[in-house]
Structures are given as structure tokens and as C-alpha cells.
Amino acid sequence: MRTGSLKQQKTSILFLYLVIWFVSSLFFLTDYPFVHSDEPWLSGLTRSMMDSSSLSSTEDFFDLYERNPHALKVLFHLLQMPFIRLLGYSLFSVRLLSLTAGLISLY
């Protein structure tokens, strides 16, 4: 019984740490780090896919050449779409997917 209690205590401490990390990260999500060129590029493609209702949509500025979307990249955009749809097209909603993935990875 003592071992179960110790394991439960460690799990509670881990959970508390992760909650504190997640909430504190939420406060700085739009401030740090600075916006990198990949963020508007990838989120713009997600928005383009949402507007055209097609996963085969590619970046608008590459329309000069025929392009084919990568299957793995489409998965990322499918995961990002609900965040943008629920919270609007903003830096916060775009970065929230990465923060959530980080939380799951740490757990």
C-alpha cells in the first residue's frame, strides 16, 4: 500500500508541474519566441486549405509551378485546423498546437 501511495504522490507532482508549465507558457505564447518565417507560411497554407475546402491546396505564392502536397504535412494542417477554426487566425491559435503537443510529449 505504501508503494501505491508513493506512486500516486509522484504522479500528482508530475501533473502539478505540467499544469504550471502549461499555464505559464500560455502567458508568453505570443511574445516568445519571436515569430519565425515557418509559422505564417504553414498557418497560411492551413488557412488556404480551409478556404478552398481542399487538402490538395498549396501555397498561393507557388502557383507558378505544379505542386503536390506532402502527406505528412497534410496531417499537421489537419491538426492545426481546429485550433484556427475555434480561436481564429492568430499567432496564439497557431502556436497552441505546438504547446499542446509539447504537453503531451512531456507527460
N, C-alpha and C. Protein backbone atom coordinates (compact mmCIF):
# COMPACT_ATOMS: atom_id res chain seq x y z
N MET A 1 0.81 -1.20 0.00
CA MET A 1 0.00 0.00 0.00
C MET A 1 0.85 1.26 0.00
N ARG A 2 1.97 1.17 0.66
CA ARG A 2 2.86 2.32 0.72
C ARG A 2 3.40 2.67 -0.66
N THR A 3 3.70 1.65 -1.48
CA THR A 3 4.24 1.89 -2.82
C THR A 3 3.22 2.57 -3.71
N GLY A 4 1.96 2.17 -3.60
CA GLY A 4 0.90 2.79 -4.39
C GLY A 4 0.74 4.25 -4.02
N SER A 5 0.85 4.55 -2.75
CA SER A 5 0.72 5.93 -2.28
C SER A 5 1.88 6.78 -2.80
N LEU A 6 3.08 6.22 -2.81
CA LEU A 6 4.25 6.94 -3.30
C LEU A 6 4.12 7.19 -4.81
N LYS A 7 3.63 6.19 -5.52
CA LYS A 7 3.44 6.35 -6.97
C LYS A 7 2.37 7.41 -7.25
N GLN A 8 1.31 7.40 -6.47
CA GLN A 8 0.26 8.40 -6.64
C GLN A 8 0.79 9.80 -6.34
N GLN A 9 1.64 9.91 -5.34
CA GLN A 9 2.21 11.21 -4.98
C GLN A 9 3.12 11.72 -6.11
N LYS A 10 3.92 10.84 -6.69
CA LYS A 10 4.79 11.24 -7.80
C LYS A 10 3.97 11.67 -9.01
N THR A 11 2.89 10.95 -9.28
CA THR A 11 2.01 11.30 -10.39
C THR A 11 1.36 12.65 -10.16
N SER A 12 0.96 12.92 -8.92
CA SER A 12 0.35 14.22 -8.59
C SER A 12 1.34 15.36 -8.76
N ILE A 13 2.58 15.15 -8.36
CA ILE A 13 3.62 16.17 -8.50
C ILE A 13 3.90 16.43 -9.98
N LEU A 14 3.97 15.36 -10.78
CA LEU A 14 4.18 15.50 -12.21
C LEU A 14 3.03 16.26 -12.85
N PHE A 15 1.81 15.91 -12.50
CA PHE A 15 0.63 16.58 -13.03
C PHE A 15 0.64 18.06 -12.66
N LEU A 16 0.95 18.38 -11.41
CA LEU A 16 1.01 19.77 -10.96
C LEU A 16 2.08 20.54 -11.73
N TYR A 17 3.25 19.93 -11.92
CA TYR A 17 4.32 20.57 -12.69
C TYR A 17 3.86 20.86 -14.11
N LEU A 18 3.22 19.89 -14.75
CA LEU A 18 2.78 20.07 -16.13
C LEU A 18 1.71 21.15 -16.24
N VAL A 19 0.82 21.23 -15.28
CA VAL A 19 -0.21 22.27 -15.29
C VAL A 19 0.44 23.65 -15.15
N ILE A 20 1.39 23.77 -14.22
CA ILE A 20 2.08 25.05 -14.02
C ILE A 20 2.86 25.43 -15.28
N TRP A 21 3.55 24.47 -15.88
CA TRP A 21 4.31 24.73 -17.11
C TRP A 21 3.38 25.17 -18.23
N PHE A 22 2.26 24.47 -18.41
CA PHE A 22 1.33 24.78 -19.49
C PHE A 22 0.72 26.18 -19.31
N VAL A 23 0.25 26.47 -18.11
CA VAL A 23 -0.40 27.77 -17.86
C VAL A 23 0.61 28.91 -17.99
N SER A 24 1.81 28.74 -17.45
CA SER A 24 2.80 29.81 -17.57
C SER A 24 3.22 30.00 -19.03
N SER A 25 3.28 28.93 -19.80
CA SER A 25 3.62 29.04 -21.22
C SER A 25 2.52 29.74 -22.00
N LEU A 26 1.27 29.58 -21.57
CA LEU A 26 0.16 30.26 -22.24
C LEU A 26 0.32 31.78 -22.20
N PHE A 27 0.85 32.29 -21.08
CA PHE A 27 1.01 33.73 -20.92
C PHE A 27 2.03 34.32 -21.89
N PHE A 28 3.05 33.52 -22.26
CA PHE A 28 4.12 34.02 -23.12
C PHE A 28 4.04 33.48 -24.54
N LEU A 29 2.94 32.82 -24.87
CA LEU A 29 2.83 32.13 -26.16
C LEU A 29 2.98 33.05 -27.35
N THR A 30 2.50 34.26 -27.27
CA THR A 30 2.59 35.18 -28.41
C THR A 30 3.80 36.11 -28.32
N ASP A 31 4.49 36.11 -27.19
CA ASP A 31 5.62 37.03 -27.00
C ASP A 31 6.97 36.40 -27.27
N TYR A 32 7.11 35.15 -26.89
CA TYR A 32 8.42 34.50 -27.01
C TYR A 32 8.23 33.08 -27.48
N PRO A 33 8.98 32.58 -28.40
CA PRO A 33 9.99 33.27 -29.19
C PRO A 33 9.36 34.17 -30.24
N PHE A 34 10.19 34.96 -30.88
CA PHE A 34 9.68 35.83 -31.94
C PHE A 34 9.13 34.97 -33.08
N VAL A 35 8.28 35.55 -33.89
CA VAL A 35 7.67 34.82 -35.00
C VAL A 35 8.75 34.40 -35.99
N HIS A 36 8.74 33.14 -36.32
CA HIS A 36 9.67 32.59 -37.31
C HIS A 36 8.96 32.50 -38.64
N SER A 37 9.69 32.52 -39.73
CA SER A 37 9.08 32.54 -41.06
C SER A 37 8.21 31.31 -41.34
N ASP A 38 8.49 30.20 -40.71
CA ASP A 38 7.68 28.99 -40.94
C ASP A 38 6.27 29.12 -40.38
N GLU A 39 6.10 29.89 -39.32
CA GLU A 39 4.77 29.98 -38.70
C GLU A 39 3.74 30.62 -39.62
N PRO A 40 3.99 31.79 -40.18
CA PRO A 40 2.99 32.35 -41.10
C PRO A 40 2.86 31.54 -42.38
N TRP A 41 3.95 30.94 -42.82
CA TRP A 41 3.90 30.14 -44.04
C TRP A 41 3.00 28.92 -43.86
N LEU A 42 3.25 28.13 -42.79
CA LEU A 42 2.46 26.93 -42.56
C LEU A 42 1.02 27.25 -42.17
N SER A 43 0.83 28.28 -41.35
CA SER A 43 -0.54 28.62 -40.95
C SER A 43 -1.31 29.22 -42.13
N GLY A 44 -0.60 29.92 -43.00
CA GLY A 44 -1.25 30.44 -44.20
C GLY A 44 -1.71 29.33 -45.13
N LEU A 45 -0.91 28.28 -45.20
CA LEU A 45 -1.31 27.13 -46.01
C LEU A 45 -2.51 26.44 -45.38
N THR A 46 -2.53 26.33 -44.06
CA THR A 46 -3.70 25.75 -43.38
C THR A 46 -4.94 26.58 -43.68
N ARG A 47 -4.82 27.88 -43.60
CA ARG A 47 -5.96 28.75 -43.89
C ARG A 47 -6.38 28.63 -45.35
N SER A 48 -5.42 28.48 -46.24
CA SER A 48 -5.74 28.30 -47.66
C SER A 48 -6.49 26.99 -47.88
N MET A 49 -6.08 25.94 -47.17
CA MET A 49 -6.78 24.65 -47.26
C MET A 49 -8.21 24.77 -46.72
N MET A 50 -8.37 25.53 -45.66
CA MET A 50 -9.69 25.72 -45.07
C MET A 50 -10.59 26.53 -46.01
N ASP A 51 -10.04 27.58 -46.61
CA ASP A 51 -10.82 28.43 -47.52
C ASP A 51 -11.25 27.70 -48.78
N SER A 52 -10.34 26.86 -49.30
CA SER A 52 -10.66 26.15 -50.54
C SER A 52 -11.36 24.82 -50.28
N SER A 53 -11.45 24.42 -49.01
CA SER A 53 -12.02 23.11 -48.63
C SER A 53 -11.35 21.97 -49.37
N SER A 54 -10.04 22.07 -49.53
CA SER A 54 -9.28 21.05 -50.25
C SER A 54 -7.91 20.86 -49.61
N LEU A 55 -7.57 19.61 -49.31
CA LEU A 55 -6.26 19.32 -48.76
C LEU A 55 -5.17 19.35 -49.82
N SER A 56 -5.56 19.40 -51.07
CA SER A 56 -4.57 19.45 -52.14
C SER A 56 -4.14 20.89 -52.45
N SER A 57 -4.66 21.83 -51.70
CA SER A 57 -4.28 23.23 -51.89
C SER A 57 -2.79 23.40 -51.55
N THR A 58 -2.12 24.25 -52.28
CA THR A 58 -0.71 24.54 -51.99
C THR A 58 -0.56 26.03 -51.73
N GLU A 59 0.65 26.44 -51.39
CA GLU A 59 0.91 27.83 -51.10
C GLU A 59 0.56 28.71 -52.29
N ASP A 60 -0.14 29.78 -52.04
CA ASP A 60 -0.59 30.66 -53.12
C ASP A 60 0.56 31.27 -53.90
N PHE A 61 1.67 31.54 -53.25
CA PHE A 61 2.78 32.20 -53.94
C PHE A 61 3.60 31.23 -54.77
N PHE A 62 3.24 29.91 -54.76
CA PHE A 62 3.92 28.94 -55.60
C PHE A 62 3.03 28.47 -56.76
N ASP A 63 2.01 29.22 -57.08
CA ASP A 63 1.07 28.79 -58.12
C ASP A 63 1.68 28.73 -59.51
N LEU A 64 2.86 29.26 -59.69
CA LEU A 64 3.50 29.26 -60.99
C LEU A 64 3.85 27.84 -61.44
N TYR A 65 4.21 26.99 -60.48
CA TYR A 65 4.59 25.61 -60.78
C TYR A 65 3.58 24.65 -60.16
N GLU A 66 3.39 23.51 -60.82
CA GLU A 66 2.50 22.50 -60.26
C GLU A 66 3.17 21.88 -59.04
N ARG A 67 2.41 21.75 -57.98
CA ARG A 67 2.96 21.21 -56.73
C ARG A 67 2.04 20.14 -56.19
N ASN A 68 2.60 19.23 -55.42
CA ASN A 68 1.83 18.18 -54.77
C ASN A 68 2.10 18.27 -53.27
N PRO A 69 1.06 18.29 -52.46
CA PRO A 69 1.27 18.39 -51.01
C PRO A 69 1.84 17.10 -50.43
N HIS A 70 2.64 17.23 -49.41
CA HIS A 70 3.21 16.08 -48.70
C HIS A 70 2.16 15.49 -47.78
N ALA A 71 2.10 14.17 -47.71
CA ALA A 71 1.10 13.50 -46.88
C ALA A 71 1.29 13.82 -45.40
N LEU A 72 2.54 13.83 -44.92
CA LEU A 72 2.79 14.09 -43.51
C LEU A 72 2.46 15.54 -43.15
N LYS A 73 2.74 16.44 -44.07
CA LYS A 73 2.45 17.84 -43.83
C LYS A 73 0.94 18.07 -43.76
N VAL A 74 0.18 17.32 -44.54
CA VAL A 74 -1.28 17.44 -44.51
C VAL A 74 -1.81 17.06 -43.13
N LEU A 75 -1.18 16.07 -42.49
CA LEU A 75 -1.59 15.68 -41.14
C LEU A 75 -1.43 16.85 -40.17
N PHE A 76 -0.30 17.56 -40.27
CA PHE A 76 -0.09 18.73 -39.42
C PHE A 76 -1.19 19.78 -39.64
N HIS A 77 -1.52 20.03 -40.89
CA HIS A 77 -2.54 21.02 -41.20
C HIS A 77 -3.91 20.58 -40.69
N LEU A 78 -4.20 19.29 -40.77
CA LEU A 78 -5.47 18.79 -40.24
C LEU A 78 -5.55 18.98 -38.72
N LEU A 79 -4.41 18.84 -38.04
CA LEU A 79 -4.38 19.07 -36.59
C LEU A 79 -4.48 20.55 -36.26
N GLN A 80 -3.95 21.40 -37.12
CA GLN A 80 -3.95 22.83 -36.86
C GLN A 80 -5.31 23.48 -37.16
N MET A 81 -6.06 22.90 -38.06
CA MET A 81 -7.35 23.48 -38.47
C MET A 81 -8.33 23.72 -37.33
N PRO A 82 -8.53 22.76 -36.42
CA PRO A 82 -9.49 23.03 -35.32
C PRO A 82 -9.08 24.20 -34.44
N PHE A 83 -7.78 24.37 -34.20
CA PHE A 83 -7.32 25.49 -33.38
C PHE A 83 -7.63 26.82 -34.06
N ILE A 84 -7.39 26.89 -35.36
CA ILE A 84 -7.67 28.12 -36.10
C ILE A 84 -9.18 28.36 -36.19
N ARG A 85 -9.93 27.29 -36.41
CA ARG A 85 -11.39 27.45 -36.53
C ARG A 85 -12.01 27.90 -35.20
N LEU A 86 -11.52 27.35 -34.09
CA LEU A 86 -12.09 27.70 -32.78
C LEU A 86 -11.63 29.06 -32.27
N LEU A 87 -10.35 29.39 -32.47
CA LEU A 87 -9.78 30.59 -31.85
C LEU A 87 -9.49 31.71 -32.84
N GLY A 88 -9.75 31.47 -34.12
CA GLY A 88 -9.45 32.48 -35.13
C GLY A 88 -8.02 32.36 -35.61
N TYR A 89 -7.74 33.07 -36.67
CA TYR A 89 -6.41 33.03 -37.28
C TYR A 89 -5.51 34.03 -36.54
N SER A 90 -4.75 33.52 -35.58
CA SER A 90 -3.87 34.38 -34.79
C SER A 90 -2.62 33.59 -34.41
N LEU A 91 -1.61 34.29 -33.95
CA LEU A 91 -0.38 33.65 -33.51
C LEU A 91 -0.66 32.70 -32.34
N PHE A 92 -1.56 33.10 -31.46
CA PHE A 92 -1.91 32.27 -30.31
C PHE A 92 -2.48 30.93 -30.75
N SER A 93 -3.45 30.96 -31.66
CA SER A 93 -4.08 29.71 -32.09
C SER A 93 -3.12 28.83 -32.88
N VAL A 94 -2.22 29.45 -33.63
CA VAL A 94 -1.26 28.69 -34.42
C VAL A 94 -0.24 28.00 -33.51
N ARG A 95 0.19 28.68 -32.47
CA ARG A 95 1.19 28.11 -31.56
C ARG A 95 0.60 27.16 -30.53
N LEU A 96 -0.69 27.24 -30.32
CA LEU A 96 -1.32 26.39 -29.30
C LEU A 96 -1.18 24.91 -29.64
N LEU A 97 -1.19 24.55 -30.89
CA LEU A 97 -0.97 23.16 -31.29
C LEU A 97 0.38 22.66 -30.82
N SER A 98 1.41 23.45 -31.04
CA SER A 98 2.77 23.06 -30.61
C SER A 98 2.88 22.97 -29.10
N LEU A 99 2.26 23.89 -28.40
CA LEU A 99 2.27 23.85 -26.94
C LEU A 99 1.55 22.60 -26.43
N THR A 100 0.42 22.27 -27.03
CA THR A 100 -0.32 21.08 -26.63
C THR A 100 0.48 19.82 -26.93
N ALA A 101 1.14 19.78 -28.08
CA ALA A 101 1.99 18.62 -28.41
C ALA A 101 3.15 18.51 -27.43
N GLY A 102 3.70 19.64 -27.02
CA GLY A 102 4.77 19.62 -26.02
C GLY A 102 4.28 19.08 -24.69
N LEU A 103 3.09 19.47 -24.29
CA LEU A 103 2.50 18.97 -23.04
C LEU A 103 2.32 17.46 -23.09
N ILE A 104 1.79 16.97 -24.20
CA ILE A 104 1.59 15.53 -24.36
C ILE A 104 2.92 14.80 -24.36
N SER A 105 3.93 15.38 -25.00
CA SER A 105 5.25 14.76 -25.04
C SER A 105 5.88 14.70 -23.65
N LEU A 106 5.74 15.77 -22.89
CA LEU A 106 6.29 15.77 -21.53
C LEU A 106 5.60 14.78 -20.62
N TYR A 107 4.30 14.63 -20.81
CA TYR A 107 3.59 13.66 -19.98
C TYR A 107 4.07 12.26 -20.30
